[in-house]
Amino acid sequence: MAERTDIVVNQEVVNEEAILKQSLSDSEAFKPIYEKYFKKIFLFLLHRTGDKEIAADLAQQVFIKALTGLSKFQFRGLPFSAWLYRIAINECHTFFRKTRRTRWVMLDEKATAHLHEEMTVDTQLHDLEAQLPAILQKLPEKDLQLIELRFFEGRPFKEIAQIMDISEISAKVKTYRLLDKMKTYFFQS
């Protein structure tokens, strides 16, 4: 069942799908979508680049690609934002590949606590906080993305699957295998 997403435009509630269909023929109609998601996409990119200017440039590219590729988008029961995040991840990959810059991972207490909760109940949170950057650095890019989307962004498995172009079951299995792998790294230290 498709998830209905609404946007308030000039104090009128409008269905997101209707706005996107109208945007196919009138790019000005895309403005409410841009306004609704720009900050979220910008912050998503900022957490990966650590640079406001680069994140803003990449966010602009995401929305340009979304608008120009809108005819390829299909509603499949997931929010439009999942498609935007997928484009954002691809833009990040392209940026890091071209510039050979170091990728950032922003850790906050809430995300660390959630990850700790999933990993183990036997250790102290401050132990994990101290070791987490080194543990995350050992993960391949795709694995790190999965952990970020699930624990730092709080995305549901269904949305992660859409963003990473895998099945929902695969997203769950990979996440829990990664947690086991991270536990191993944690207890080796």
Protein backbone atom coordinates (compact mmCIF):
# COMPACT_ATOMS: atom_id res chain seq x y z
CA MET A 1 0.00 0.00 0.00
CA ALA A 2 1.44 3.37 -1.01
CA GLU A 3 2.24 5.83 1.73
CA ARG A 4 0.42 9.13 1.21
CA THR A 5 2.67 12.13 1.79
CA ASP A 6 1.19 15.60 1.89
CA ILE A 7 2.79 19.03 1.67
CA VAL A 8 1.37 22.34 2.80
CA VAL A 9 1.51 24.88 -0.05
CA ASN A 10 0.11 28.34 0.55
CA GLN A 11 -1.88 26.98 3.52
CA GLU A 12 -3.38 24.24 1.32
CA VAL A 13 -2.56 20.56 1.86
CA VAL A 14 -1.49 19.00 -1.42
CA ASN A 15 -0.62 15.38 -2.11
CA GLU A 16 3.10 14.96 -2.83
CA GLU A 17 2.40 12.61 -5.72
CA ALA A 18 0.21 15.26 -7.38
CA ILE A 19 2.99 17.83 -7.03
CA LEU A 20 5.51 15.45 -8.57
CA LYS A 21 3.23 14.67 -11.51
CA GLN A 22 2.69 18.38 -12.11
CA SER A 23 6.47 18.93 -11.87
CA LEU A 24 6.96 16.75 -14.94
CA SER A 25 5.55 19.51 -17.11
CA ASP A 26 6.17 22.56 -14.87
CA SER A 27 9.48 22.70 -12.99
CA GLU A 28 8.13 25.53 -10.78
CA ALA A 29 5.72 23.01 -9.25
CA PHE A 30 8.76 21.20 -7.79
CA LYS A 31 9.47 24.09 -5.38
CA PRO A 32 7.42 22.68 -2.43
CA ILE A 33 9.29 19.38 -2.71
CA TYR A 34 12.60 21.23 -2.72
CA GLU A 35 11.57 23.30 0.30
CA LYS A 36 10.34 20.27 2.22
CA TYR A 37 13.45 18.11 1.72
CA PHE A 38 16.39 20.44 1.10
CA LYS A 39 17.42 20.81 4.75
CA LYS A 40 17.21 17.05 5.40
CA ILE A 41 19.28 16.22 2.32
CA PHE A 42 21.75 19.01 3.11
CA LEU A 43 22.27 17.69 6.67
CA PHE A 44 22.60 14.14 5.37
CA LEU A 45 25.37 15.30 3.03
CA LEU A 46 26.98 17.54 5.66
CA HIS A 47 27.31 14.55 7.99
CA ARG A 48 29.24 12.77 5.25
CA THR A 49 31.43 15.60 3.98
CA GLY A 50 32.00 17.74 7.07
CA ASP A 51 31.93 20.86 4.87
CA LYS A 52 28.89 23.17 4.54
CA GLU A 53 29.81 24.50 1.09
CA ILE A 54 30.42 21.05 -0.37
CA ALA A 55 27.22 19.74 1.22
CA ALA A 56 25.23 22.66 -0.23
CA ASP A 57 26.71 22.08 -3.71
CA LEU A 58 25.98 18.36 -3.53
CA ALA A 59 22.43 19.02 -2.26
CA GLN A 60 21.82 21.29 -5.24
CA GLN A 61 23.03 18.52 -7.54
CA VAL A 62 20.68 16.05 -5.86
CA PHE A 63 17.66 18.24 -6.56
CA ILE A 64 18.75 19.01 -10.11
CA LYS A 65 19.12 15.29 -10.80
CA ALA A 66 15.80 14.56 -9.09
CA LEU A 67 13.98 17.14 -11.17
CA THR A 68 15.61 16.13 -14.46
CA GLY A 69 15.10 12.43 -13.73
CA LEU A 70 11.60 12.76 -12.32
CA SER A 71 10.08 10.83 -15.22
CA LYS A 72 12.04 7.75 -14.01
CA PHE A 73 10.61 7.90 -10.48
CA GLN A 74 7.83 5.46 -9.60
CA PHE A 75 5.76 5.41 -6.42
CA ARG A 76 6.28 2.03 -4.77
CA GLY A 77 4.90 2.65 -1.32
CA LEU A 78 7.96 4.53 -0.11
CA PRO A 79 8.33 8.25 0.44
CA PHE A 80 9.87 10.35 -2.33
CA SER A 81 12.61 11.21 0.13
CA ALA A 82 14.01 7.65 -0.16
CA TRP A 83 14.72 8.35 -3.83
CA LEU A 84 16.34 11.67 -2.90
CA TYR A 85 18.59 9.95 -0.34
CA ARG A 86 19.61 7.39 -2.94
CA ILE A 87 20.59 10.19 -5.32
CA ALA A 88 22.45 11.89 -2.42
CA ILE A 89 24.42 8.73 -1.68
CA ASN A 90 25.37 8.44 -5.34
CA GLU A 91 26.46 12.10 -5.39
CA CYS A 92 28.61 11.46 -2.31
CA HIS A 93 30.24 8.44 -3.95
CA THR A 94 30.98 10.47 -7.05
CA PHE A 95 32.37 13.36 -5.00
CA PHE A 96 34.67 11.17 -2.90
CA ARG A 97 35.81 9.17 -5.92
CA LYS A 98 36.68 12.32 -7.91
CA THR A 99 38.30 14.28 -5.08
CA ARG A 100 39.83 11.39 -3.12
CA ARG A 101 38.83 13.20 0.06
CA THR A 102 38.24 11.54 3.41
CA ARG A 103 34.67 10.63 4.21
CA TRP A 104 33.20 11.85 7.50
CA VAL A 105 30.94 10.09 9.99
CA MET A 106 29.25 12.37 12.52
CA LEU A 107 28.53 10.62 15.80
CA ASP A 108 26.08 11.90 18.36
CA GLU A 109 25.11 10.52 21.75
CA LYS A 110 21.66 9.32 20.68
CA ALA A 111 22.97 7.40 17.67
CA THR A 112 25.83 5.93 19.68
CA ALA A 113 23.44 4.85 22.42
CA HIS A 114 21.10 3.21 19.89
CA LEU A 115 23.99 1.39 18.23
CA HIS A 116 25.31 0.32 21.61
CA GLU A 117 21.88 -1.00 22.55
CA GLU A 118 21.85 -3.14 19.41
CA MET A 119 25.41 -4.38 19.84
CA THR A 120 25.59 -5.40 23.45
CA VAL A 121 24.25 -4.96 26.94
CA ASP A 122 27.41 -6.21 28.66
CA THR A 123 29.67 -3.21 28.22
CA GLN A 124 29.64 0.40 29.21
CA LEU A 125 28.47 3.00 26.71
CA HIS A 126 31.61 5.10 27.17
CA ASP A 127 33.73 2.09 26.11
CA LEU A 128 31.82 1.91 22.84
CA GLU A 129 31.99 5.68 22.33
CA ALA A 130 35.76 5.52 22.65
CA GLN A 131 36.14 2.64 20.19
CA LEU A 132 33.32 3.38 17.73
CA PRO A 133 35.27 5.67 15.36
CA ALA A 134 37.97 3.01 14.91
CA ILE A 135 35.36 0.28 14.46
CA LEU A 136 33.47 2.29 11.83
CA GLN A 137 36.70 3.03 9.99
CA LYS A 138 37.22 -0.72 9.49
CA LEU A 139 33.91 -1.08 7.63
CA PRO A 140 33.68 -0.97 3.84
CA GLU A 141 31.75 2.01 2.40
CA LYS A 142 28.50 0.09 1.69
CA ASP A 143 28.46 -1.38 5.21
CA LEU A 144 29.10 2.02 6.77
CA GLN A 145 26.22 3.46 4.73
CA LEU A 146 23.88 0.79 6.01
CA ILE A 147 24.85 1.50 9.64
CA GLU A 148 24.48 5.24 9.11
CA LEU A 149 21.07 4.95 7.49
CA ARG A 150 19.74 2.63 10.18
CA PHE A 151 21.27 4.02 13.35
CA PHE A 152 22.34 7.60 12.65
CA GLU A 153 19.49 8.54 10.31
CA GLY A 154 16.87 6.28 11.94
CA ARG A 155 15.57 5.00 8.60
CA PRO A 156 13.25 1.95 8.50
CA PHE A 157 14.53 -1.17 6.74
CA LYS A 158 12.05 -0.73 3.89
CA GLU A 159 13.44 2.72 3.10
CA ILE A 160 17.06 1.53 3.49
CA ALA A 161 16.32 -1.22 0.99
CA GLN A 162 15.03 1.34 -1.53
CA ILE A 163 17.97 3.69 -0.99
CA MET A 164 20.59 0.95 -1.30
CA ASP A 165 18.76 -0.95 -4.05
CA ILE A 166 18.48 -4.21 -2.09
CA SER A 167 15.55 -6.16 -0.69
CA GLU A 168 14.15 -5.32 2.73
CA ILE A 169 15.12 -8.77 4.04
CA SER A 170 18.64 -8.27 2.74
CA ALA A 171 18.83 -4.90 4.51
CA LYS A 172 17.84 -6.56 7.81
CA VAL A 173 20.18 -9.52 7.41
CA LYS A 174 23.12 -7.33 6.41
CA THR A 175 22.49 -4.97 9.33
CA TYR A 176 22.49 -7.72 11.92
CA ARG A 177 25.54 -9.41 10.37
CA LEU A 178 27.30 -6.06 10.49
CA LEU A 179 26.40 -5.63 14.14
CA ASP A 180 27.92 -9.05 14.85
CA LYS A 181 31.04 -8.04 12.93
CA MET A 182 31.23 -4.77 14.88
CA LYS A 183 30.84 -6.69 18.17
CA THR A 184 33.82 -8.80 17.19
CA TYR A 185 35.89 -5.65 16.51
CA PHE A 186 34.67 -4.16 19.79
CA PHE A 187 35.65 -7.16 21.90
CA GLN A 188 39.02 -7.57 20.15
CA SER A 189 40.06 -4.13 21.34
